[in-house]
Amino acid sequence: MLVQAIMTSPPITVPASCSVAEAAKRMLDNKISGLPVVDANGALVGIVSEGDFLRRSELNTERKRSWLLEWLTSPGKIADEYVRTHGRRVEEVMTVPVSAIAPTASIADAVSLMERQDVKRLPVVADGRLVGIVARSDLLRALSQALPAAAVSAGDAQIQAAIDAELARQSRNGFIHCRVANGVAELSGTIFDERERLAAKVAVENVAGVTSIKDQLVWVDPYYGVAIPPPETEAKQG
């Protein structure tokens, strides 16, 4: 899936000359946490978000240092912090430069860039102009549409084949097995890390037609060889 399929377009923007008060009001009115900043030609020049408003003189949240750290901090950094805590225009507090992505990029590329840059949203730029924005909420909306709405009935043999394929793909542990009877998937075998238990359950519960899961997996400590019997639990499918 491509970014252009899930992005919000046209995006809500502000000019660099906009006041901080107006930008904050626009975010509140539209229930969004960030705004792309554009010039008169629609080109992206920055982004302003809630994070840019955390340290403000009006809230008495300016960064406070001990006298020693204050003495060690460079005059340029102190000046920059003063502008960000006291600036009245968006251009004075916005974040620059800004990471952007093309509308023809994949969602996987967008997620990788968001994780790498530790940002919640990415402006979408084509031919030098801002054409949209993709945020975590857009990814959440795409996820909600991709998730199955209801359980699908399937025969035991079909379910068994799908589970075997998924377990083979997901796990390197060849000691995990599953048997299906009347839609009930019974996991058995040996795991050497407790995290494998939940991964196996997730692999099974995502297979259409599974009505419940019986966990009969035995955990064996790889260092001491101690075996812990399976819990007496049965997970019901919604």
Protein backbone atom coordinates (compact mmCIF):
# COMPACT_ATOMS: atom_id res chain seq x y z
CA MET A 1 0.00 0.00 0.00
CA LEU A 2 1.24 3.48 -0.86
CA VAL A 3 1.32 6.62 1.27
CA GLN A 4 -1.11 8.39 -1.09
CA ALA A 5 -3.77 5.80 -0.25
CA ILE A 6 -3.89 6.69 3.46
CA MET A 7 -2.56 10.27 3.74
CA THR A 8 -4.75 13.19 4.79
CA SER A 9 -5.17 15.56 1.85
CA PRO A 10 -5.32 18.49 1.63
CA PRO A 11 -3.48 18.99 4.92
CA ILE A 12 -4.27 21.75 7.40
CA THR A 13 -1.33 24.17 7.30
CA VAL A 14 -0.11 27.48 8.68
CA PRO A 15 2.16 30.16 7.17
CA ALA A 16 5.46 30.89 8.88
CA SER A 17 4.18 34.36 9.83
CA CYS A 18 1.23 32.90 11.76
CA SER A 19 1.14 33.64 15.47
CA VAL A 20 1.80 30.92 18.02
CA ALA A 21 -1.62 31.62 19.52
CA GLU A 22 -3.38 31.10 16.17
CA ALA A 23 -1.39 27.90 15.47
CA ALA A 24 -2.32 26.49 18.87
CA LYS A 25 -5.98 27.38 18.32
CA ARG A 26 -5.95 25.75 14.88
CA MET A 27 -4.56 22.53 16.34
CA LEU A 28 -7.17 22.51 19.11
CA ASP A 29 -10.05 23.31 16.76
CA ASN A 30 -9.07 20.52 14.37
CA LYS A 31 -8.02 18.03 17.08
CA ILE A 32 -4.56 17.54 15.61
CA SER A 33 -1.16 17.66 17.28
CA GLY A 34 0.94 19.19 14.52
CA LEU A 35 0.82 21.51 11.52
CA PRO A 36 3.02 21.72 8.41
CA VAL A 37 4.35 25.23 7.80
CA VAL A 38 4.32 26.41 4.19
CA ASP A 39 5.42 29.46 2.23
CA ALA A 40 3.33 31.47 -0.23
CA ASN A 41 3.97 28.89 -2.99
CA GLY A 42 2.84 25.94 -0.90
CA ALA A 43 6.38 24.65 -0.32
CA LEU A 44 7.13 23.00 3.01
CA VAL A 45 9.39 25.12 5.23
CA GLY A 46 8.90 23.53 8.65
CA ILE A 47 6.51 21.88 11.05
CA VAL A 48 5.08 23.02 14.37
CA SER A 49 3.74 20.56 16.93
CA GLU A 50 2.67 20.23 20.54
CA GLY A 51 6.27 19.48 21.43
CA ASP A 52 7.29 22.97 20.31
CA PHE A 53 4.94 24.46 22.89
CA LEU A 54 6.07 22.46 25.95
CA ARG A 55 8.72 24.93 27.07
CA ARG A 56 6.96 28.30 27.23
CA SER A 57 7.45 31.35 29.41
CA GLU A 58 3.66 31.77 29.69
CA LEU A 59 3.46 28.37 31.40
CA ASN A 60 6.61 28.92 33.45
CA THR A 61 8.06 25.73 31.94
CA GLU A 62 11.32 27.17 30.61
CA ARG A 63 14.33 24.91 31.11
CA LYS A 64 16.02 25.67 34.43
CA ARG A 65 19.66 24.78 35.12
CA SER A 66 21.99 24.95 38.04
CA TRP A 67 24.36 27.90 38.01
CA LEU A 68 27.19 25.57 36.93
CA LEU A 69 25.30 24.12 33.95
CA GLU A 70 24.14 27.63 33.05
CA TRP A 71 27.75 28.80 33.02
CA LEU A 72 28.81 25.81 30.87
CA THR A 73 25.98 26.25 28.34
CA SER A 74 26.94 28.19 25.23
CA PRO A 75 25.44 31.66 24.67
CA GLY A 76 24.06 30.47 21.32
CA LYS A 77 22.11 27.62 22.92
CA ILE A 78 20.73 29.93 25.60
CA ALA A 79 19.69 32.41 22.90
CA ASP A 80 18.02 29.64 20.87
CA GLU A 81 16.09 28.41 23.91
CA TYR A 82 14.96 31.96 24.69
CA VAL A 83 13.53 32.36 21.18
CA ARG A 84 11.64 29.04 21.42
CA THR A 85 10.17 29.86 24.84
CA HIS A 86 9.28 33.48 24.08
CA GLY A 87 8.75 33.59 20.30
CA ARG A 88 5.33 34.79 19.16
CA ARG A 89 5.47 33.65 15.51
CA VAL A 90 5.49 30.12 14.15
CA GLU A 91 8.72 30.72 12.20
CA GLU A 92 10.47 31.37 15.53
CA VAL A 93 9.47 28.09 17.20
CA MET A 94 8.88 25.63 14.35
CA THR A 95 11.07 22.58 13.78
CA VAL A 96 13.45 22.70 10.80
CA PRO A 97 14.58 20.90 8.74
CA VAL A 98 11.64 18.54 8.26
CA SER A 99 11.68 14.95 7.07
CA ALA A 100 9.17 14.39 4.26
CA ILE A 101 8.06 11.51 2.07
CA ALA A 102 6.70 11.09 -1.45
CA PRO A 103 3.07 10.04 -2.05
CA THR A 104 4.32 7.08 -4.10
CA ALA A 105 6.44 5.72 -1.25
CA SER A 106 5.24 2.60 0.55
CA ILE A 107 3.66 2.68 3.99
CA ALA A 108 6.55 0.51 5.19
CA ASP A 109 8.98 3.25 4.11
CA ALA A 110 6.89 5.85 5.95
CA VAL A 111 6.86 3.81 9.17
CA SER A 112 10.63 3.22 8.96
CA LEU A 113 11.24 6.95 8.52
CA MET A 114 8.91 7.85 11.39
CA GLU A 115 10.71 5.41 13.67
CA ARG A 116 14.15 6.57 12.55
CA GLN A 117 13.32 10.26 13.04
CA ASP A 118 11.15 9.62 16.13
CA VAL A 119 8.26 11.69 14.73
CA LYS A 120 4.49 11.23 14.82
CA ARG A 121 3.73 12.61 11.36
CA LEU A 122 5.34 13.03 7.96
CA PRO A 123 4.55 15.74 5.41
CA VAL A 124 3.95 14.33 1.93
CA VAL A 125 5.69 16.30 -0.81
CA ALA A 126 5.42 15.99 -4.61
CA ASP A 127 7.13 18.28 -7.13
CA GLY A 128 8.27 20.58 -4.34
CA ARG A 129 4.78 21.17 -2.97
CA LEU A 130 3.05 19.86 0.12
CA VAL A 131 0.21 17.57 -0.98
CA GLY A 132 -0.69 15.76 2.23
CA ILE A 133 0.37 14.49 5.62
CA VAL A 134 0.54 10.98 7.00
CA ALA A 135 0.24 10.62 10.77
CA ARG A 136 -0.02 7.76 13.22
CA SER A 137 -3.79 8.20 13.16
CA ASP A 138 -3.80 7.56 9.40
CA LEU A 139 -1.88 4.32 9.98
CA LEU A 140 -4.35 3.37 12.71
CA ARG A 141 -7.25 4.00 10.33
CA ALA A 142 -5.61 1.82 7.68
CA LEU A 143 -5.08 -0.91 10.26
CA SER A 144 -8.72 -0.84 11.37
CA GLN A 145 -9.81 -1.29 7.77
CA ALA A 146 -7.35 -4.13 7.17
CA LEU A 147 -8.28 -6.16 10.26
CA PRO A 148 -10.96 -8.82 9.66
CA ALA A 149 -14.37 -7.69 10.91
CA ALA A 150 -15.64 -11.14 11.85
CA ALA A 151 -14.54 -14.74 12.12
CA VAL A 152 -14.64 -16.77 8.95
CA SER A 153 -15.72 -20.41 9.03
CA ALA A 154 -13.29 -22.96 7.62
CA GLY A 155 -12.73 -26.69 7.74
CA ASP A 156 -10.24 -28.24 10.18
CA ALA A 157 -7.91 -29.35 7.40
CA GLN A 158 -7.81 -25.85 5.93
CA ILE A 159 -7.22 -24.31 9.35
CA GLN A 160 -4.50 -26.88 10.13
CA ALA A 161 -2.65 -26.12 6.89
CA ALA A 162 -2.81 -22.35 7.49
CA ILE A 163 -1.53 -22.72 11.09
CA ASP A 164 1.34 -25.01 10.05
CA ALA A 165 2.39 -22.52 7.38
CA GLU A 166 2.23 -19.55 9.77
CA LEU A 167 4.15 -21.32 12.53
CA ALA A 168 6.83 -22.33 10.02
CA ARG A 169 7.10 -18.73 8.86
CA GLN A 170 6.99 -17.13 12.31
CA SER A 171 9.10 -19.44 14.46
CA ARG A 172 12.52 -21.03 14.24
CA ASN A 173 11.45 -23.49 16.93
CA GLY A 174 10.65 -26.77 15.20
CA PHE A 175 9.28 -28.28 18.41
CA ILE A 176 5.97 -26.36 18.37
CA HIS A 177 3.04 -28.35 16.96
CA CYS A 178 -0.67 -27.73 16.57
CA ARG A 179 -3.65 -30.04 16.09
CA VAL A 180 -7.08 -28.73 15.06
CA ALA A 181 -10.39 -30.41 15.93
CA ASN A 182 -13.77 -28.71 15.47
CA GLY A 183 -12.08 -25.33 15.19
CA VAL A 184 -10.17 -25.75 18.46
CA ALA A 185 -6.40 -25.40 18.02
CA GLU A 186 -4.29 -27.30 20.53
CA LEU A 187 -0.69 -26.16 20.81
CA SER A 188 1.79 -28.75 22.04
CA GLY A 189 5.51 -29.31 22.10
CA THR A 190 8.44 -27.52 23.70
CA ILE A 191 9.49 -23.87 23.96
CA PHE A 192 12.80 -22.58 25.29
CA ASP A 193 11.74 -18.97 25.87
CA GLU A 194 8.41 -17.95 27.42
CA ARG A 195 8.00 -15.26 24.76
CA GLU A 196 7.59 -18.01 22.18
CA ARG A 197 4.32 -19.03 23.87
CA LEU A 198 2.57 -15.75 23.14
CA ALA A 199 4.03 -15.59 19.62
CA ALA A 200 2.64 -19.07 18.88
CA LYS A 201 -0.78 -18.09 20.23
CA VAL A 202 -0.83 -14.93 18.12
CA ALA A 203 0.13 -16.93 15.03
CA VAL A 204 -2.77 -19.31 15.65
CA GLU A 205 -5.42 -16.76 16.63
CA ASN A 206 -4.87 -14.86 13.36
CA VAL A 207 -5.90 -17.89 11.31
CA ALA A 208 -9.51 -17.66 10.13
CA GLY A 209 -11.78 -20.34 11.58
CA VAL A 210 -10.02 -20.88 14.91
CA THR A 211 -12.61 -20.75 17.70
CA SER A 212 -10.32 -21.29 20.70
CA ILE A 213 -6.76 -22.22 21.62
CA LYS A 214 -5.60 -24.87 24.10
CA ASP A 215 -2.10 -24.16 25.36
CA GLN A 216 -0.22 -27.40 26.05
CA LEU A 217 3.25 -26.00 25.41
CA VAL A 218 5.94 -27.07 27.88
CA TRP A 219 8.66 -24.58 28.73
CA VAL A 220 12.14 -26.03 29.20
CA ASP A 221 14.82 -23.83 30.71
CA PRO A 222 17.74 -24.13 28.24
CA TYR A 223 20.34 -23.61 30.99
CA TYR A 224 19.06 -25.85 33.77
CA GLY A 225 16.86 -28.26 31.81
CA VAL A 226 13.91 -27.66 34.14
CA ALA A 227 10.52 -28.31 32.49
CA ILE A 228 7.50 -26.21 33.45
CA PRO A 229 4.10 -27.74 32.57
CA PRO A 230 1.61 -25.75 30.48
CA PRO A 231 -0.91 -23.44 32.16
CA GLU A 232 -4.48 -24.68 32.45
CA THR A 233 -5.88 -22.06 30.11
CA GLU A 234 -8.02 -21.97 27.02
CA ALA A 235 -8.22 -18.78 24.99
CA LYS A 236 -11.58 -18.10 23.36
CA GLN A 237 -11.75 -16.31 20.03
CA GLY A 238 -13.96 -13.26 19.62
